[in-house]
N, C-alpha and C. Protein backbone atom coordinates (compact mmCIF):
# COMPACT_ATOMS: atom_id res chain seq x y z
N MET A 1 160.50 32.52 69.23
CA MET A 1 159.72 31.97 68.13
C MET A 1 158.27 31.84 68.58
N THR A 2 157.35 32.27 67.75
CA THR A 2 155.93 32.14 68.04
C THR A 2 155.41 30.81 67.49
N PRO A 3 154.19 30.40 67.86
CA PRO A 3 153.60 29.19 67.28
C PRO A 3 152.89 29.45 65.95
N TYR A 4 153.06 30.65 65.40
CA TYR A 4 152.29 31.05 64.22
C TYR A 4 153.07 30.81 62.93
N ILE A 5 152.31 30.63 61.85
CA ILE A 5 152.89 30.40 60.53
C ILE A 5 152.17 31.25 59.49
N GLN A 6 152.86 31.47 58.38
CA GLN A 6 152.24 32.00 57.17
C GLN A 6 152.38 30.91 56.12
N VAL A 7 151.28 30.57 55.50
CA VAL A 7 151.26 29.53 54.48
C VAL A 7 150.93 30.18 53.15
N ILE A 8 151.67 29.79 52.12
CA ILE A 8 151.48 30.31 50.77
C ILE A 8 150.94 29.20 49.89
N THR A 9 149.93 29.53 49.10
CA THR A 9 149.48 28.66 48.02
C THR A 9 149.05 29.55 46.87
N THR A 10 149.12 29.03 45.66
CA THR A 10 148.65 29.78 44.49
C THR A 10 147.52 29.03 43.84
N LEU A 11 146.58 29.79 43.29
CA LEU A 11 145.42 29.22 42.60
C LEU A 11 145.26 29.89 41.24
N PRO A 12 144.54 29.24 40.33
CA PRO A 12 144.48 29.75 38.96
C PRO A 12 143.59 30.98 38.75
N ASP A 13 142.65 31.23 39.68
CA ASP A 13 141.73 32.36 39.47
C ASP A 13 141.21 32.88 40.82
N ARG A 14 140.63 34.06 40.75
CA ARG A 14 140.14 34.75 41.94
C ARG A 14 139.03 33.95 42.64
N GLU A 15 138.14 33.38 41.86
CA GLU A 15 137.01 32.64 42.43
C GLU A 15 137.49 31.46 43.29
N SER A 16 138.41 30.66 42.78
CA SER A 16 138.89 29.52 43.57
C SER A 16 139.69 29.98 44.78
N ALA A 17 140.41 31.10 44.65
CA ALA A 17 141.16 31.64 45.79
C ALA A 17 140.20 32.11 46.89
N GLU A 18 139.13 32.79 46.50
CA GLU A 18 138.16 33.27 47.48
C GLU A 18 137.40 32.12 48.13
N GLN A 19 137.09 31.08 47.35
CA GLN A 19 136.42 29.91 47.92
C GLN A 19 137.30 29.23 48.96
N LEU A 20 138.58 29.07 48.65
CA LEU A 20 139.51 28.47 49.61
C LEU A 20 139.62 29.34 50.85
N ALA A 21 139.81 30.63 50.67
CA ALA A 21 139.94 31.55 51.80
C ALA A 21 138.71 31.49 52.70
N THR A 22 137.54 31.50 52.11
CA THR A 22 136.30 31.45 52.89
C THR A 22 136.22 30.17 53.71
N ARG A 23 136.55 29.05 53.10
CA ARG A 23 136.50 27.76 53.81
C ARG A 23 137.48 27.74 54.99
N LEU A 24 138.70 28.22 54.76
CA LEU A 24 139.70 28.23 55.82
C LEU A 24 139.28 29.13 56.98
N LEU A 25 138.65 30.25 56.65
CA LEU A 25 138.17 31.16 57.70
C LEU A 25 136.98 30.56 58.44
N GLU A 26 136.05 29.94 57.71
CA GLU A 26 134.88 29.32 58.35
C GLU A 26 135.30 28.20 59.29
N ASP A 27 136.32 27.42 58.89
CA ASP A 27 136.80 26.31 59.71
C ASP A 27 137.78 26.76 60.79
N ARG A 28 138.06 28.05 60.83
CA ARG A 28 138.99 28.65 61.80
C ARG A 28 140.39 28.05 61.72
N LEU A 29 140.76 27.66 60.50
CA LEU A 29 142.12 27.20 60.23
C LEU A 29 143.01 28.38 59.87
N ALA A 30 142.39 29.50 59.56
CA ALA A 30 143.10 30.74 59.24
C ALA A 30 142.38 31.89 59.92
N ALA A 31 143.16 32.87 60.34
CA ALA A 31 142.58 34.10 60.89
C ALA A 31 142.47 35.16 59.81
N CYS A 32 143.30 35.04 58.79
CA CYS A 32 143.34 36.02 57.70
C CYS A 32 143.91 35.34 56.48
N VAL A 33 143.35 35.66 55.31
CA VAL A 33 143.91 35.20 54.04
C VAL A 33 143.99 36.40 53.12
N GLN A 34 145.18 36.72 52.69
CA GLN A 34 145.37 37.81 51.74
C GLN A 34 145.49 37.21 50.34
N ILE A 35 144.80 37.80 49.38
CA ILE A 35 144.80 37.31 48.01
C ILE A 35 145.37 38.41 47.11
N SER A 36 146.36 38.05 46.32
CA SER A 36 146.94 39.01 45.38
C SER A 36 147.29 38.29 44.08
N SER A 37 147.36 39.07 43.02
CA SER A 37 147.65 38.53 41.69
C SER A 37 149.14 38.47 41.43
N CYS A 38 149.54 37.50 40.62
CA CYS A 38 150.95 37.41 40.23
C CYS A 38 151.05 36.72 38.87
N THR A 39 152.22 36.82 38.28
CA THR A 39 152.57 36.04 37.10
C THR A 39 153.58 35.00 37.54
N SER A 40 153.30 33.74 37.28
CA SER A 40 154.20 32.66 37.66
C SER A 40 154.85 32.05 36.43
N LEU A 41 156.14 31.80 36.53
CA LEU A 41 156.87 31.03 35.53
C LEU A 41 157.41 29.81 36.26
N TYR A 42 157.23 28.63 35.68
CA TYR A 42 157.61 27.40 36.35
C TYR A 42 157.80 26.29 35.33
N ARG A 43 158.52 25.27 35.73
CA ARG A 43 158.69 24.10 34.88
C ARG A 43 157.66 23.06 35.30
N TRP A 44 156.89 22.55 34.36
CA TRP A 44 155.88 21.52 34.63
C TRP A 44 155.96 20.46 33.54
N GLN A 45 156.26 19.26 33.94
CA GLN A 45 156.37 18.11 33.04
C GLN A 45 157.32 18.40 31.87
N GLY A 46 158.47 19.01 32.22
CA GLY A 46 159.52 19.25 31.25
C GLY A 46 159.36 20.48 30.38
N VAL A 47 158.30 21.25 30.60
CA VAL A 47 158.04 22.44 29.78
C VAL A 47 157.98 23.67 30.69
N ILE A 48 158.58 24.76 30.25
CA ILE A 48 158.48 26.01 31.00
C ILE A 48 157.13 26.65 30.69
N GLU A 49 156.37 26.88 31.74
CA GLU A 49 155.02 27.44 31.63
C GLU A 49 155.01 28.85 32.21
N GLN A 50 154.02 29.63 31.83
CA GLN A 50 153.80 30.96 32.39
C GLN A 50 152.30 31.17 32.49
N GLY A 51 151.87 31.75 33.61
CA GLY A 51 150.45 32.02 33.75
C GLY A 51 150.15 32.98 34.87
N LYS A 52 148.96 33.54 34.82
CA LYS A 52 148.48 34.41 35.89
C LYS A 52 147.92 33.52 36.99
N GLU A 53 148.23 33.86 38.23
CA GLU A 53 147.73 33.12 39.39
C GLU A 53 147.35 34.08 40.49
N GLN A 54 146.68 33.54 41.49
CA GLN A 54 146.32 34.27 42.69
C GLN A 54 147.10 33.66 43.85
N ILE A 55 147.83 34.50 44.57
CA ILE A 55 148.59 34.05 45.74
C ILE A 55 147.71 34.21 46.97
N CYS A 56 147.58 33.15 47.75
CA CYS A 56 146.91 33.22 49.05
C CYS A 56 147.99 33.15 50.13
N THR A 57 148.06 34.18 50.95
CA THR A 57 148.95 34.20 52.10
C THR A 57 148.06 34.00 53.31
N ILE A 58 148.24 32.87 53.99
CA ILE A 58 147.33 32.40 55.03
C ILE A 58 148.01 32.54 56.38
N LYS A 59 147.35 33.24 57.32
CA LYS A 59 147.87 33.40 58.68
C LYS A 59 147.24 32.33 59.57
N SER A 60 148.08 31.51 60.20
CA SER A 60 147.56 30.39 60.99
C SER A 60 148.53 30.07 62.13
N ARG A 61 148.36 28.87 62.69
CA ARG A 61 149.20 28.39 63.78
C ARG A 61 149.78 27.04 63.38
N HIS A 62 150.99 26.78 63.81
CA HIS A 62 151.72 25.59 63.39
C HIS A 62 150.97 24.29 63.66
N ASP A 63 150.30 24.17 64.79
CA ASP A 63 149.60 22.92 65.11
C ASP A 63 148.40 22.68 64.19
N LEU A 64 147.92 23.71 63.51
CA LEU A 64 146.79 23.57 62.58
C LEU A 64 147.24 23.21 61.17
N PHE A 65 148.55 23.20 60.92
CA PHE A 65 149.05 22.98 59.56
C PHE A 65 148.59 21.67 58.94
N PRO A 66 148.62 20.54 59.62
CA PRO A 66 148.18 19.31 58.96
C PRO A 66 146.73 19.39 58.44
N GLU A 67 145.81 19.93 59.25
CA GLU A 67 144.42 20.06 58.81
C GLU A 67 144.28 21.12 57.72
N LEU A 68 145.02 22.21 57.85
CA LEU A 68 145.01 23.26 56.84
C LEU A 68 145.50 22.69 55.50
N CYS A 69 146.56 21.91 55.54
CA CYS A 69 147.12 21.30 54.34
C CYS A 69 146.11 20.34 53.70
N ARG A 70 145.45 19.52 54.50
CA ARG A 70 144.43 18.60 53.96
C ARG A 70 143.30 19.37 53.29
N THR A 71 142.87 20.47 53.90
CA THR A 71 141.78 21.27 53.34
C THR A 71 142.20 21.90 52.02
N ILE A 72 143.40 22.45 51.97
CA ILE A 72 143.89 23.04 50.72
C ILE A 72 143.92 21.97 49.62
N LYS A 73 144.48 20.81 49.90
CA LYS A 73 144.56 19.75 48.90
C LYS A 73 143.18 19.30 48.43
N ALA A 74 142.22 19.24 49.36
CA ALA A 74 140.87 18.79 49.01
C ALA A 74 140.16 19.77 48.08
N LEU A 75 140.45 21.06 48.22
CA LEU A 75 139.75 22.09 47.45
C LEU A 75 140.55 22.59 46.25
N HIS A 76 141.80 22.24 46.17
CA HIS A 76 142.70 22.83 45.17
C HIS A 76 142.54 22.15 43.81
N PRO A 77 142.49 22.94 42.73
CA PRO A 77 142.32 22.34 41.40
C PRO A 77 143.62 21.79 40.79
N TYR A 78 144.79 22.14 41.35
CA TYR A 78 146.05 21.69 40.77
C TYR A 78 146.38 20.26 41.21
N GLU A 79 147.05 19.54 40.33
CA GLU A 79 147.50 18.19 40.65
C GLU A 79 148.52 18.21 41.80
N VAL A 80 149.43 19.18 41.77
CA VAL A 80 150.45 19.34 42.80
C VAL A 80 150.42 20.80 43.26
N PRO A 81 149.58 21.12 44.25
CA PRO A 81 149.50 22.52 44.69
C PRO A 81 150.73 22.95 45.50
N GLU A 82 151.08 24.20 45.34
CA GLU A 82 152.12 24.79 46.19
C GLU A 82 151.52 24.99 47.57
N ILE A 83 152.15 24.42 48.58
CA ILE A 83 151.77 24.64 49.98
C ILE A 83 153.07 24.76 50.76
N LEU A 84 153.44 25.98 51.09
CA LEU A 84 154.68 26.25 51.80
C LEU A 84 154.38 27.03 53.07
N ALA A 85 154.92 26.57 54.19
CA ALA A 85 154.71 27.25 55.48
C ALA A 85 156.01 27.84 55.97
N SER A 86 155.92 29.07 56.47
CA SER A 86 157.06 29.75 57.10
C SER A 86 156.70 30.08 58.53
N LEU A 87 157.63 29.83 59.43
CA LEU A 87 157.41 30.17 60.83
C LEU A 87 157.47 31.69 61.02
N VAL A 88 156.63 32.20 61.89
CA VAL A 88 156.66 33.62 62.25
C VAL A 88 157.56 33.75 63.47
N ALA A 89 158.69 34.41 63.30
CA ALA A 89 159.65 34.55 64.38
C ALA A 89 159.13 35.43 65.51
N ASP A 90 158.46 36.51 65.14
CA ASP A 90 157.96 37.46 66.13
C ASP A 90 156.91 38.32 65.45
N GLY A 91 156.17 39.08 66.24
CA GLY A 91 155.16 39.96 65.69
C GLY A 91 154.61 40.88 66.76
N ASP A 92 153.83 41.85 66.34
CA ASP A 92 153.19 42.76 67.27
C ASP A 92 152.26 41.98 68.18
N SER A 93 152.35 42.22 69.48
CA SER A 93 151.56 41.44 70.44
C SER A 93 150.06 41.60 70.22
N GLY A 94 149.62 42.78 69.86
CA GLY A 94 148.19 42.98 69.59
C GLY A 94 147.72 42.15 68.41
N TYR A 95 148.51 42.12 67.35
CA TYR A 95 148.15 41.33 66.17
C TYR A 95 148.17 39.84 66.49
N LEU A 96 149.20 39.39 67.20
CA LEU A 96 149.29 37.97 67.54
C LEU A 96 148.16 37.54 68.48
N ASN A 97 147.75 38.41 69.39
CA ASN A 97 146.61 38.10 70.26
C ASN A 97 145.33 37.97 69.43
N TRP A 98 145.14 38.88 68.49
CA TRP A 98 143.97 38.80 67.61
C TRP A 98 143.99 37.51 66.81
N LEU A 99 145.16 37.19 66.26
CA LEU A 99 145.33 35.97 65.48
C LEU A 99 144.90 34.75 66.30
N GLU A 100 145.37 34.66 67.51
CA GLU A 100 145.06 33.52 68.38
C GLU A 100 143.56 33.42 68.64
N GLN A 101 142.90 34.54 68.85
CA GLN A 101 141.46 34.55 69.13
C GLN A 101 140.63 34.07 67.94
N GLU A 102 141.13 34.24 66.73
CA GLU A 102 140.37 33.90 65.53
C GLU A 102 140.57 32.47 65.05
N LEU A 103 141.53 31.76 65.64
CA LEU A 103 141.82 30.38 65.24
C LEU A 103 141.15 29.38 66.16
N GLN A 104 141.08 28.13 65.70
CA GLN A 104 140.60 27.06 66.55
C GLN A 104 141.45 27.02 67.82
N PRO A 105 140.83 26.66 68.95
CA PRO A 105 141.66 26.53 70.16
C PRO A 105 142.72 25.44 69.98
N PRO A 106 143.89 25.63 70.60
CA PRO A 106 144.93 24.59 70.51
C PRO A 106 144.45 23.29 71.13
N LEU A 107 144.90 22.17 70.57
CA LEU A 107 144.57 20.87 71.15
C LEU A 107 145.33 20.70 72.46
N LYS A 108 144.67 20.18 73.43
CA LYS A 108 145.30 19.97 74.76
C LYS A 108 145.84 18.57 74.87
């Protein structure tokens, strides 16, 4: 198991997704953020909703998750944003080395 994670969040539009991605990259909480469009169907306050959203797939490290989560919540327009982290079991060593170099140094 690696110390790396992929975090997913969705935002209502491209502009807010790019603003979040830029902030996470500037703060070195993410090494990469991929943004793609999707259609979401979900239940909200007892009603089934449908809408276009932007998915942000964020490449980071597990120890950075608390700060990454705080940053997402601070910038996110939704009352209850989706923030889900998955552990990265393994990966190409070259990619994982690059990922590590682009993130904040681990706390000692």
